[in-house]
Amino acid sequence: MSRFPVPVLFALAALGVATPATPQADTIRIGVFDPEVLWKQTEVGKKFNQDLSAARDRLQGQIDKKQEELEGLKTKLRQQQGSLNDDKINDMKKDILNKQTELDRLNEDSTKEMKYQLGEVQGRFQEMLSKTIEVFGKEKGFTVILMKSMVEYNAAAVDVSQELIAKFNEMHKATAATAPGPAKKPGDAAKEPPKN
């Protein structure tokens, strides 16, 4: 009598897996990969990460500069408040309020821009990864390749992450894959010179 319950035998037979009661036919090759490892270790993934870091640093620099301007205005008001008339104090308070509004908008715009760039880059990377997995799977004769997060357990022998990194780097060059530039605002299109 077989050690496997009947439903398990049917499921294994449907997948083509040899069970103790059946002779070994076509074997299934299953691979597992960690997409995080590919994101961090492929040349394109590294390039995308560098581009995103540069964009984040650029935006953070703009925010820091605006924050310093705001703090400078607040300090100036504190230092001069005793010697200024009410109209001048109110003007300085308006300047501080306007600068705070600019800072808030800059923070909001920067967050939106980073989310946009991250989404664009992740989408492009996912597209490249899908193509790589398909080509790799066909070349190596895999029946199925799964993300590591989809399985509870896998033996190290079925982890194909390092092989996928090599295939990904072979198929996709980092120089051709650049992250998108800053998101354009609706009014920016009018400022661009016409293309011939």
Protein backbone atom coordinates (compact mmCIF):
# COMPACT_ATOMS: atom_id res chain seq x y z
CA MET A 1 0.00 0.00 0.00
CA SER A 2 1.25 3.49 -0.83
CA ARG A 3 2.37 5.84 1.97
CA PHE A 4 0.62 8.82 0.33
CA PRO A 5 -3.08 9.64 0.76
CA VAL A 6 -5.08 9.39 -2.48
CA PRO A 7 -5.58 13.20 -2.98
CA VAL A 8 -1.83 13.76 -2.64
CA LEU A 9 -1.14 11.05 -5.22
CA PHE A 10 -3.54 12.71 -7.66
CA ALA A 11 -1.90 16.13 -7.12
CA LEU A 12 1.58 14.70 -7.60
CA ALA A 13 0.50 12.77 -10.68
CA ALA A 14 -1.06 15.92 -12.16
CA LEU A 15 2.28 17.68 -11.74
CA GLY A 16 4.13 14.76 -13.25
CA VAL A 17 6.03 13.92 -10.09
CA ALA A 18 7.08 10.33 -9.75
CA THR A 19 5.61 8.63 -6.69
CA PRO A 20 6.71 5.31 -5.19
CA ALA A 21 3.90 3.52 -7.04
CA THR A 22 4.71 5.06 -10.47
CA PRO A 23 7.84 4.73 -12.55
CA GLN A 24 10.03 7.79 -12.98
CA ALA A 25 8.80 9.64 -16.08
CA ASP A 26 9.54 13.27 -16.90
CA THR A 27 10.92 14.89 -13.79
CA ILE A 28 9.98 18.37 -12.78
CA ARG A 29 12.66 20.96 -12.16
CA ILE A 30 11.70 23.57 -9.62
CA GLY A 31 13.72 26.68 -8.93
CA VAL A 32 13.37 29.29 -6.22
CA PHE A 33 14.83 32.79 -6.22
CA ASP A 34 14.96 35.79 -3.91
CA PRO A 35 14.00 38.97 -5.82
CA GLU A 36 15.58 41.14 -3.12
CA VAL A 37 18.94 39.49 -3.77
CA LEU A 38 18.60 40.18 -7.50
CA TRP A 39 17.60 43.81 -6.83
CA LYS A 40 20.71 44.32 -4.69
CA GLN A 41 23.26 42.25 -6.63
CA THR A 42 22.50 42.67 -10.34
CA GLU A 43 24.33 45.46 -12.13
CA VAL A 44 21.03 47.06 -13.18
CA GLY A 45 19.65 46.82 -9.63
CA LYS A 46 22.79 48.47 -8.25
CA LYS A 47 22.54 51.23 -10.87
CA PHE A 48 18.87 51.82 -10.08
CA ASN A 49 19.67 51.97 -6.36
CA GLN A 50 22.47 54.50 -6.99
CA ASP A 51 20.18 56.64 -9.15
CA LEU A 52 17.44 56.56 -6.52
CA SER A 53 19.93 57.46 -3.78
CA ALA A 54 21.24 60.37 -5.84
CA ALA A 55 17.69 61.64 -6.43
CA ARG A 56 16.87 61.28 -2.73
CA ASP A 57 20.05 63.15 -1.75
CA ARG A 58 19.31 65.93 -4.26
CA LEU A 59 15.79 66.38 -2.94
CA GLN A 60 16.93 66.18 0.68
CA GLY A 61 19.51 68.90 -0.06
CA GLN A 62 16.75 71.17 -1.36
CA ILE A 63 14.63 70.47 1.72
CA ASP A 64 17.57 71.11 4.07
CA LYS A 65 18.32 74.43 2.35
CA LYS A 66 14.68 75.53 2.65
CA GLN A 67 14.65 74.43 6.32
CA GLU A 68 17.79 76.51 7.00
CA GLU A 69 16.18 79.55 5.37
CA LEU A 70 13.12 79.10 7.57
CA GLU A 71 15.21 78.74 10.73
CA GLY A 72 17.20 81.84 9.74
CA LEU A 73 14.01 83.88 9.47
CA LYS A 74 12.78 82.62 12.85
CA THR A 75 16.12 83.44 14.49
CA LYS A 76 16.15 86.91 12.92
CA LEU A 77 12.63 87.58 14.24
CA ARG A 78 13.57 86.43 17.76
CA GLN A 79 16.69 88.58 17.80
CA GLN A 80 15.06 91.74 16.41
CA GLN A 81 11.55 91.45 17.84
CA GLY A 82 12.19 93.90 20.68
CA SER A 83 13.45 96.67 18.39
CA LEU A 84 10.87 96.36 15.57
CA ASN A 85 7.47 97.98 15.20
CA ASP A 86 4.31 95.83 14.87
CA ASP A 87 4.09 96.23 11.08
CA LYS A 88 7.66 94.97 10.58
CA ILE A 89 7.05 92.06 13.01
CA ASN A 90 3.89 91.11 11.12
CA ASP A 91 5.80 91.27 7.79
CA MET A 92 8.47 88.96 9.18
CA LYS A 93 5.80 86.56 10.49
CA LYS A 94 4.21 86.49 7.02
CA ASP A 95 7.64 85.73 5.51
CA ILE A 96 8.06 82.87 7.99
CA LEU A 97 4.60 81.54 7.19
CA ASN A 98 5.30 81.72 3.44
CA LYS A 99 8.64 79.96 3.89
CA GLN A 100 6.95 77.23 5.96
CA THR A 101 4.38 76.78 3.20
CA GLU A 102 7.18 76.49 0.63
CA LEU A 103 8.90 73.90 2.82
CA ASP A 104 5.70 71.89 3.23
CA ARG A 105 5.09 71.92 -0.53
CA LEU A 106 8.68 70.94 -1.23
CA ASN A 107 8.39 68.02 1.20
CA GLU A 108 5.14 66.90 -0.42
CA ASP A 109 6.51 67.27 -3.97
CA SER A 110 9.71 65.43 -3.05
CA THR A 111 7.76 62.55 -1.55
CA LYS A 112 5.61 62.30 -4.68
CA GLU A 113 8.66 62.44 -6.94
CA MET A 114 10.46 59.69 -5.02
CA LYS A 115 7.37 57.47 -5.07
CA TYR A 116 7.02 58.04 -8.80
CA GLN A 117 10.68 57.28 -9.51
CA LEU A 118 10.64 54.20 -7.27
CA GLY A 119 7.50 52.89 -8.97
CA GLU A 120 8.98 53.48 -12.44
CA VAL A 121 12.27 51.79 -11.57
CA GLN A 122 10.64 48.84 -9.84
CA GLY A 123 8.30 48.35 -12.79
CA ARG A 124 11.16 48.37 -15.27
CA PHE A 125 13.22 46.03 -13.09
CA GLN A 126 10.28 43.63 -12.71
CA GLU A 127 9.79 43.59 -16.48
CA MET A 128 13.48 42.76 -17.01
CA LEU A 129 13.36 40.13 -14.27
CA SER A 130 10.32 38.42 -15.81
CA LYS A 131 12.04 38.22 -19.20
CA THR A 132 15.22 36.89 -17.58
CA ILE A 133 13.34 34.21 -15.64
CA GLU A 134 11.49 33.07 -18.75
CA VAL A 135 14.67 32.77 -20.83
CA PHE A 136 16.62 31.18 -17.96
CA GLY A 137 13.84 28.71 -17.21
CA LYS A 138 13.57 27.59 -20.83
CA GLU A 139 17.34 27.31 -21.28
CA LYS A 140 17.81 25.28 -18.09
CA GLY A 141 14.70 23.13 -18.49
CA PHE A 142 12.80 24.33 -15.42
CA THR A 143 9.16 23.44 -15.06
CA VAL A 144 8.49 26.24 -12.60
CA ILE A 145 10.50 29.00 -10.90
CA LEU A 146 8.99 30.56 -7.78
CA MET A 147 9.78 33.56 -5.62
CA LYS A 148 11.22 32.54 -2.28
CA SER A 149 8.40 34.36 -0.46
CA MET A 150 5.87 31.96 -2.01
CA VAL A 151 7.31 28.80 -0.45
CA GLU A 152 7.51 27.77 3.19
CA TYR A 153 10.65 25.71 2.70
CA ASN A 154 13.12 25.02 -0.05
CA ALA A 155 16.36 23.10 -0.13
CA ALA A 156 19.41 25.18 -0.98
CA ALA A 157 19.86 23.06 -4.11
CA VAL A 158 16.76 24.60 -5.74
CA ASP A 159 17.80 28.22 -5.06
CA VAL A 160 18.71 29.69 -8.44
CA SER A 161 19.23 33.30 -7.29
CA GLN A 162 22.95 33.41 -8.11
CA GLU A 163 22.43 31.82 -11.52
CA LEU A 164 19.65 34.31 -12.24
CA ILE A 165 21.96 37.19 -11.28
CA ALA A 166 24.49 36.00 -13.86
CA LYS A 167 21.78 35.57 -16.53
CA PHE A 168 20.22 38.94 -15.67
CA ASN A 169 23.60 40.70 -15.98
CA GLU A 170 24.20 38.92 -19.30
CA MET A 171 20.83 40.00 -20.70
CA HIS A 172 20.56 43.54 -19.29
CA LYS A 173 23.46 45.98 -19.20
CA ALA A 174 23.50 48.61 -16.45
CA THR A 175 24.51 51.40 -18.84
CA ALA A 176 21.32 50.96 -20.86
CA ALA A 177 19.11 51.00 -17.77
CA THR A 178 18.91 54.43 -16.23
CA ALA A 179 16.41 55.59 -13.67
CA PRO A 180 13.85 58.18 -14.78
CA GLY A 181 14.64 61.82 -14.14
CA PRO A 182 12.55 64.09 -11.95
CA ALA A 183 8.83 63.93 -12.57
CA LYS A 184 7.72 66.74 -14.85
CA LYS A 185 5.12 69.20 -13.70
CA PRO A 186 2.20 70.02 -16.03
CA GLY A 187 3.63 73.47 -16.88
CA ASP A 188 7.11 72.12 -17.70
CA ALA A 189 6.10 70.91 -21.18
CA ALA A 190 5.60 74.50 -22.31
CA LYS A 191 9.12 75.43 -21.17
CA GLU A 192 10.86 72.74 -23.26
CA PRO A 193 12.20 73.74 -26.67
CA PRO A 194 10.41 72.16 -29.63
CA LYS A 195 11.92 68.95 -30.97
CA ASN A 196 12.93 68.88 -34.62
